[in-house]
Amino acid sequence: MADYPIISDVSNYIIKTLREKMCPEPIPSPNNIEISSPLSQDVDYIVGLYLYDIREDVEVTTPRLIQRGRAQMAKPPRPYALYYMVFINGSGQMGLKDPDIQKIIGRIAQIVNDNSSVRPDELQSWLDTQEPPIVLSQAKISLEEKVRVWQAISKPYQISLFYRAAPVYLSSGEYIETPLVTDGSFELEITGEERG
């Protein structure tokens, strides 16, 4: 199962995809697309990706223990849902007008729709287990909830896209050693009548 960098790996996948597909049009340079909080001041980028919430995905069931090798068991992985906001940087818009912002937002939505899933083994090449793809979909939240996300970071609401990435399985870092069988004894008992 995926190790702890998987959360960062998902964010990097989104940024990498946006950089590949948005440059040079409508964004001039890959450096103009960053993982950032809208709180970051005096930064020179146009599009920001902000991870604003991580929740355990209780709708997904997980196995009890997982066999690791011949003598180890691992606690089951926990499935999480990651919640992202993709926004236009208000402190460094480089003179963008509303039509420009709407074009950028439209292109982001198009790219995410066309690249809406990634397999965990594409993010962590060493994985030897088959895990379901991580799906990026529109977060089903109301306008009021979106406004609250902006209020939580003391910023006025601006047009932005909200996405949910799930399931993101996070493996346990603890292993349980299972005792090896070193000695065994068997007894045979024959029951029944003897035939002569």
C-alpha atoms as a PDB file:
ATOM      1  CA  MET A   1       0.000   0.000   0.000  1.00  0.00           C
ATOM      2  CA  ALA A   2       1.074   3.567  -0.612  1.00  0.00           C
ATOM      3  CA  ASP A   3       3.444   5.149   1.890  1.00  0.00           C
ATOM      4  CA  TYR A   4       2.959   8.511   3.646  1.00  0.00           C
ATOM      5  CA  PRO A   5       4.261  10.716   0.771  1.00  0.00           C
ATOM      6  CA  ILE A   6       1.142   9.723  -1.221  1.00  0.00           C
ATOM      7  CA  ILE A   7      -0.704  12.890  -0.142  1.00  0.00           C
ATOM      8  CA  SER A   8       2.101  15.073  -1.493  1.00  0.00           C
ATOM      9  CA  ASP A   9       2.348  12.816  -4.573  1.00  0.00           C
ATOM     10  CA  VAL A  10      -1.312  13.441  -5.447  1.00  0.00           C
ATOM     11  CA  SER A  11      -0.784  17.214  -5.169  1.00  0.00           C
ATOM     12  CA  ASN A  12       2.324  16.991  -7.341  1.00  0.00           C
ATOM     13  CA  TYR A  13       0.421  14.923  -9.935  1.00  0.00           C
ATOM     14  CA  ILE A  14      -2.250  17.631 -10.219  1.00  0.00           C
ATOM     15  CA  ILE A  15       0.349  20.405 -10.530  1.00  0.00           C
ATOM     16  CA  LYS A  16       2.430  18.447 -13.066  1.00  0.00           C
ATOM     17  CA  THR A  17      -0.663  17.781 -15.200  1.00  0.00           C
ATOM     18  CA  LEU A  18      -1.758  21.420 -15.105  1.00  0.00           C
ATOM     19  CA  ARG A  19       1.756  22.614 -16.004  1.00  0.00           C
ATOM     20  CA  GLU A  20       1.991  20.214 -18.954  1.00  0.00           C
ATOM     21  CA  LYS A  21      -1.428  21.098 -20.373  1.00  0.00           C
ATOM     22  CA  MET A  22      -1.791  24.830 -19.608  1.00  0.00           C
ATOM     23  CA  CYS A  23       1.518  26.212 -20.815  1.00  0.00           C
ATOM     24  CA  PRO A  24       2.218  28.293 -22.820  1.00  0.00           C
ATOM     25  CA  GLU A  25      -1.510  28.989 -23.333  1.00  0.00           C
ATOM     26  CA  PRO A  26      -3.338  30.274 -21.315  1.00  0.00           C
ATOM     27  CA  ILE A  27      -0.522  30.327 -18.703  1.00  0.00           C
ATOM     28  CA  PRO A  28       2.850  31.560 -20.034  1.00  0.00           C
ATOM     29  CA  SER A  29       5.175  29.482 -17.825  1.00  0.00           C
ATOM     30  CA  PRO A  30       4.997  26.311 -15.684  1.00  0.00           C
ATOM     31  CA  ASN A  31       6.416  28.429 -12.847  1.00  0.00           C
ATOM     32  CA  ASN A  32       3.109  30.316 -12.808  1.00  0.00           C
ATOM     33  CA  ILE A  33       1.325  27.221 -11.388  1.00  0.00           C
ATOM     34  CA  GLU A  34       2.167  26.347  -7.762  1.00  0.00           C
ATOM     35  CA  ILE A  35       1.103  24.381  -4.706  1.00  0.00           C
ATOM     36  CA  SER A  36       0.287  27.255  -2.387  1.00  0.00           C
ATOM     37  CA  SER A  37      -2.146  28.718   0.089  1.00  0.00           C
ATOM     38  CA  PRO A  38      -4.103  31.853  -0.843  1.00  0.00           C
ATOM     39  CA  LEU A  39      -2.532  33.287   2.342  1.00  0.00           C
ATOM     40  CA  SER A  40       0.923  33.335   0.762  1.00  0.00           C
ATOM     41  CA  GLN A  41       1.851  36.952   0.151  1.00  0.00           C
ATOM     42  CA  ASP A  42       4.171  38.479  -2.449  1.00  0.00           C
ATOM     43  CA  VAL A  43       4.445  35.332  -4.541  1.00  0.00           C
ATOM     44  CA  ASP A  44       4.589  35.411  -8.284  1.00  0.00           C
ATOM     45  CA  TYR A  45       2.287  32.721  -9.665  1.00  0.00           C
ATOM     46  CA  ILE A  46      -1.096  32.744 -11.371  1.00  0.00           C
ATOM     47  CA  VAL A  47      -2.752  29.418 -10.460  1.00  0.00           C
ATOM     48  CA  GLY A  48      -2.578  27.965  -6.945  1.00  0.00           C
ATOM     49  CA  LEU A  49      -3.474  24.505  -5.685  1.00  0.00           C
ATOM     50  CA  TYR A  50      -4.504  24.520  -2.024  1.00  0.00           C
ATOM     51  CA  LEU A  51      -5.130  21.333  -0.020  1.00  0.00           C
ATOM     52  CA  TYR A  52      -7.688  22.587   2.494  1.00  0.00           C
ATOM     53  CA  ASP A  53      -9.030  19.371   4.058  1.00  0.00           C
ATOM     54  CA  ILE A  54      -8.176  15.689   4.549  1.00  0.00           C
ATOM     55  CA  ARG A  55     -10.875  13.302   5.776  1.00  0.00           C
ATOM     56  CA  GLU A  56     -10.935   9.601   6.410  1.00  0.00           C
ATOM     57  CA  ASP A  57     -13.149   8.030   3.756  1.00  0.00           C
ATOM     58  CA  VAL A  58     -15.512   5.975   5.918  1.00  0.00           C
ATOM     59  CA  GLU A  59     -17.464   4.725   2.897  1.00  0.00           C
ATOM     60  CA  VAL A  60     -14.517   2.545   1.828  1.00  0.00           C
ATOM     61  CA  THR A  61     -13.946  -0.767   3.613  1.00  0.00           C
ATOM     62  CA  THR A  62     -10.460  -2.065   4.350  1.00  0.00           C
ATOM     63  CA  PRO A  63      -9.133  -5.530   5.231  1.00  0.00           C
ATOM     64  CA  ARG A  64      -8.244  -6.321   8.836  1.00  0.00           C
ATOM     65  CA  LEU A  65      -4.567  -7.219   8.463  1.00  0.00           C
ATOM     66  CA  ILE A  66      -2.326  -7.474   5.417  1.00  0.00           C
ATOM     67  CA  GLN A  67       0.337 -10.158   4.943  1.00  0.00           C
ATOM     68  CA  ARG A  68       3.816  -8.692   4.345  1.00  0.00           C
ATOM     69  CA  GLY A  69       6.331 -11.362   3.537  1.00  0.00           C
ATOM     70  CA  ARG A  70       6.349 -14.671   5.409  1.00  0.00           C
ATOM     71  CA  ALA A  71       6.611 -13.409   8.979  1.00  0.00           C
ATOM     72  CA  GLN A  72       4.960  -9.977   9.099  1.00  0.00           C
ATOM     73  CA  MET A  73       1.470  -8.599   9.130  1.00  0.00           C
ATOM     74  CA  ALA A  74       0.618  -4.920   8.667  1.00  0.00           C
ATOM     75  CA  LYS A  75      -2.241  -2.923  10.043  1.00  0.00           C
ATOM     76  CA  PRO A  76      -4.744  -2.166   7.285  1.00  0.00           C
ATOM     77  CA  PRO A  77      -4.304   1.000   5.217  1.00  0.00           C
ATOM     78  CA  ARG A  78      -6.654   3.900   5.901  1.00  0.00           C
ATOM     79  CA  PRO A  79      -8.541   5.408   2.969  1.00  0.00           C
ATOM     80  CA  TYR A  80      -8.626   9.204   2.845  1.00  0.00           C
ATOM     81  CA  ALA A  81     -10.303  11.833   0.707  1.00  0.00           C
ATOM     82  CA  LEU A  82      -8.273  14.944  -0.119  1.00  0.00           C
ATOM     83  CA  TYR A  83     -10.078  18.234  -0.738  1.00  0.00           C
ATOM     84  CA  TYR A  84      -8.478  20.825  -2.987  1.00  0.00           C
ATOM     85  CA  MET A  85      -9.218  24.361  -4.048  1.00  0.00           C
ATOM     86  CA  VAL A  86      -7.741  25.587  -7.347  1.00  0.00           C
ATOM     87  CA  PHE A  87      -7.678  29.379  -7.370  1.00  0.00           C
ATOM     88  CA  ILE A  88      -6.282  32.376  -9.218  1.00  0.00           C
ATOM     89  CA  ASN A  89      -3.646  34.178  -7.146  1.00  0.00           C
ATOM     90  CA  GLY A  90      -5.160  37.481  -6.065  1.00  0.00           C
ATOM     91  CA  SER A  91      -1.838  39.016  -5.030  1.00  0.00           C
ATOM     92  CA  GLY A  92      -0.094  38.323  -8.333  1.00  0.00           C
ATOM     93  CA  GLN A  93      -2.654  38.333 -11.120  1.00  0.00           C
ATOM     94  CA  MET A  94      -0.287  40.124 -13.513  1.00  0.00           C
ATOM     95  CA  GLY A  95      -3.046  42.391 -14.751  1.00  0.00           C
ATOM     96  CA  LEU A  96      -5.541  39.587 -15.511  1.00  0.00           C
ATOM     97  CA  LYS A  97      -9.020  40.739 -16.409  1.00  0.00           C
ATOM     98  CA  ASP A  98     -12.224  38.807 -15.640  1.00  0.00           C
ATOM     99  CA  PRO A  99     -12.432  37.207 -19.122  1.00  0.00           C
ATOM    100  CA  ASP A 100      -8.816  35.982 -18.721  1.00  0.00           C
ATOM    101  CA  ILE A 101      -9.610  34.495 -15.310  1.00  0.00           C
ATOM    102  CA  GLN A 102     -12.684  32.739 -16.705  1.00  0.00           C
ATOM    103  CA  LYS A 103     -10.620  31.256 -19.566  1.00  0.00           C
ATOM    104  CA  ILE A 104      -8.045  29.962 -17.094  1.00  0.00           C
ATOM    105  CA  ILE A 105     -10.722  28.463 -14.828  1.00  0.00           C
ATOM    106  CA  GLY A 106     -12.391  26.843 -17.869  1.00  0.00           C
ATOM    107  CA  ARG A 107      -9.105  25.305 -19.027  1.00  0.00           C
ATOM    108  CA  ILE A 108      -8.376  23.943 -15.534  1.00  0.00           C
ATOM    109  CA  ALA A 109     -11.827  22.299 -15.406  1.00  0.00           C
ATOM    110  CA  GLN A 110     -11.275  20.798 -18.873  1.00  0.00           C
ATOM    111  CA  ILE A 111      -7.845  19.403 -17.937  1.00  0.00           C
ATOM    112  CA  VAL A 112      -9.071  17.866 -14.687  1.00  0.00           C
ATOM    113  CA  ASN A 113     -12.057  16.288 -16.482  1.00  0.00           C
ATOM    114  CA  ASP A 114      -9.706  14.746 -19.063  1.00  0.00           C
ATOM    115  CA  ASN A 115      -7.152  13.557 -16.459  1.00  0.00           C
ATOM    116  CA  SER A 116      -9.447  12.649 -13.600  1.00  0.00           C
ATOM    117  CA  SER A 117      -7.750   9.513 -12.288  1.00  0.00           C
ATOM    118  CA  VAL A 118      -4.287   8.212 -11.542  1.00  0.00           C
ATOM    119  CA  ARG A 119      -3.114   4.812 -10.329  1.00  0.00           C
ATOM    120  CA  PRO A 120      -1.123   4.873  -7.077  1.00  0.00           C
ATOM    121  CA  ASP A 121       1.691   2.846  -8.710  1.00  0.00           C
ATOM    122  CA  GLU A 122       2.156   5.735 -11.180  1.00  0.00           C
ATOM    123  CA  LEU A 123       2.832   7.987  -8.182  1.00  0.00           C
ATOM    124  CA  GLN A 124       4.908   5.496  -6.185  1.00  0.00           C
ATOM    125  CA  SER A 125       6.655   3.158  -8.616  1.00  0.00           C
ATOM    126  CA  TRP A 126       7.784   0.705  -5.909  1.00  0.00           C
ATOM    127  CA  LEU A 127       4.202  -0.362  -5.052  1.00  0.00           C
ATOM    128  CA  ASP A 128       3.693  -4.070  -5.480  1.00  0.00           C
ATOM    129  CA  THR A 129      -0.004  -4.158  -4.599  1.00  0.00           C
ATOM    130  CA  GLN A 130      -2.878  -3.428  -6.923  1.00  0.00           C
ATOM    131  CA  GLU A 131      -4.784  -0.452  -5.571  1.00  0.00           C
ATOM    132  CA  PRO A 132      -7.837   1.253  -7.048  1.00  0.00           C
ATOM    133  CA  PRO A 133      -7.234   4.460  -8.991  1.00  0.00           C
ATOM    134  CA  ILE A 134      -7.402   7.787  -7.182  1.00  0.00           C
ATOM    135  CA  VAL A 135     -10.270   9.688  -8.782  1.00  0.00           C
ATOM    136  CA  LEU A 136     -10.381  13.474  -8.952  1.00  0.00           C
ATOM    137  CA  SER A 137     -13.957  14.756  -9.034  1.00  0.00           C
ATOM    138  CA  GLN A 138     -15.789  17.980  -8.291  1.00  0.00           C
ATOM    139  CA  ALA A 139     -16.308  18.326  -4.547  1.00  0.00           C
ATOM    140  CA  LYS A 140     -20.032  18.327  -3.882  1.00  0.00           C
ATOM    141  CA  ILE A 141     -20.143  21.424  -1.715  1.00  0.00           C
ATOM    142  CA  SER A 142     -22.455  24.406  -1.787  1.00  0.00           C
ATOM    143  CA  LEU A 143     -21.519  28.018  -2.504  1.00  0.00           C
ATOM    144  CA  GLU A 144     -21.878  28.726   1.240  1.00  0.00           C
ATOM    145  CA  GLU A 145     -19.328  26.015   2.029  1.00  0.00           C
ATOM    146  CA  LYS A 146     -16.946  27.434  -0.577  1.00  0.00           C
ATOM    147  CA  VAL A 147     -17.299  30.893   0.961  1.00  0.00           C
ATOM    148  CA  ARG A 148     -16.512  29.367   4.390  1.00  0.00           C
ATOM    149  CA  VAL A 149     -13.256  27.902   3.039  1.00  0.00           C
ATOM    150  CA  TRP A 150     -12.225  31.398   1.941  1.00  0.00           C
ATOM    151  CA  GLN A 151     -13.366  32.908   5.258  1.00  0.00           C
ATOM    152  CA  ALA A 152     -11.289  30.349   7.169  1.00  0.00           C
ATOM    153  CA  ILE A 153      -8.182  31.860   5.601  1.00  0.00           C
ATOM    154  CA  SER A 154      -9.473  35.437   6.050  1.00  0.00           C
ATOM    155  CA  LYS A 155      -9.791  36.107   2.343  1.00  0.00           C
ATOM    156  CA  PRO A 156     -12.816  37.340   0.381  1.00  0.00           C
ATOM    157  CA  TYR A 157     -14.450  34.735  -1.829  1.00  0.00           C
ATOM    158  CA  GLN A 158     -13.298  34.557  -5.423  1.00  0.00           C
ATOM    159  CA  ILE A 159     -14.218  32.197  -8.235  1.00  0.00           C
ATOM    160  CA  SER A 160     -12.368  28.906  -7.742  1.00  0.00           C
ATOM    161  CA  LEU A 161     -12.699  25.184  -8.385  1.00  0.00           C
ATOM    162  CA  PHE A 162     -13.118  22.600  -5.629  1.00  0.00           C
ATOM    163  CA  TYR A 163     -12.064  18.972  -6.082  1.00  0.00           C
ATOM    164  CA  ARG A 164     -12.076  15.738  -4.113  1.00  0.00           C
ATOM    165  CA  ALA A 165      -9.345  13.097  -4.668  1.00  0.00           C
ATOM    166  CA  ALA A 166     -10.240   9.629  -3.332  1.00  0.00           C
ATOM    167  CA  PRO A 167      -9.618   6.967  -2.277  1.00  0.00           C
ATOM    168  CA  VAL A 168      -6.075   7.706  -1.181  1.00  0.00           C
ATOM    169  CA  TYR A 169      -4.878   4.673   0.781  1.00  0.00           C
ATOM    170  CA  LEU A 170      -2.265   5.440   3.421  1.00  0.00           C
ATOM    171  CA  SER A 171      -0.386   2.418   4.701  1.00  0.00           C
ATOM    172  CA  SER A 172       0.464   1.818   8.332  1.00  0.00           C
ATOM    173  CA  GLY A 173       4.038   2.313   9.470  1.00  0.00           C
ATOM    174  CA  GLU A 174       3.695  -0.471  12.059  1.00  0.00           C
ATOM    175  CA  TYR A 175       4.204  -4.171  11.459  1.00  0.00           C
ATOM    176  CA  ILE A 176       3.280  -7.147  13.584  1.00  0.00           C
ATOM    177  CA  GLU A 177       5.774  -9.981  13.712  1.00  0.00           C
ATOM    178  CA  THR A 178       4.061 -13.349  13.402  1.00  0.00           C
ATOM    179  CA  PRO A 179       5.795 -16.270  15.108  1.00  0.00           C
ATOM    180  CA  LEU A 180       7.465 -18.791  12.839  1.00  0.00           C
ATOM    181  CA  VAL A 181       6.492 -22.434  13.276  1.00  0.00           C
ATOM    182  CA  THR A 182       9.711 -24.212  14.277  1.00  0.00           C
ATOM    183  CA  ASP A 183       8.416 -27.498  15.641  1.00  0.00           C
ATOM    184  CA  GLY A 184       5.370 -29.552  14.926  1.00  0.00           C
ATOM    185  CA  SER A 185       4.006 -32.848  16.197  1.00  0.00           C
ATOM    186  CA  PHE A 186       1.309 -34.979  14.712  1.00  0.00           C
ATOM    187  CA  GLU A 187      -0.610 -37.975  15.978  1.00  0.00           C
ATOM    188  CA  LEU A 188      -2.508 -40.450  13.875  1.00  0.00           C
ATOM    189  CA  GLU A 189      -5.351 -42.432  15.276  1.00  0.00           C
ATOM    190  CA  ILE A 190      -7.121 -45.113  13.319  1.00  0.00           C
ATOM    191  CA  THR A 191     -10.656 -45.750  14.382  1.00  0.00           C
ATOM    192  CA  GLY A 192     -13.158 -48.275  13.217  1.00  0.00           C
ATOM    193  CA  GLU A 193     -13.469 -52.062  13.188  1.00  0.00           C
ATOM    194  CA  GLU A 194     -10.782 -54.253  11.810  1.00  0.00           C
ATOM    195  CA  ARG A 195     -11.872 -56.457   8.984  1.00  0.00           C
ATOM    196  CA  GLY A 196     -10.579 -59.967   8.890  1.00  0.00           C
END
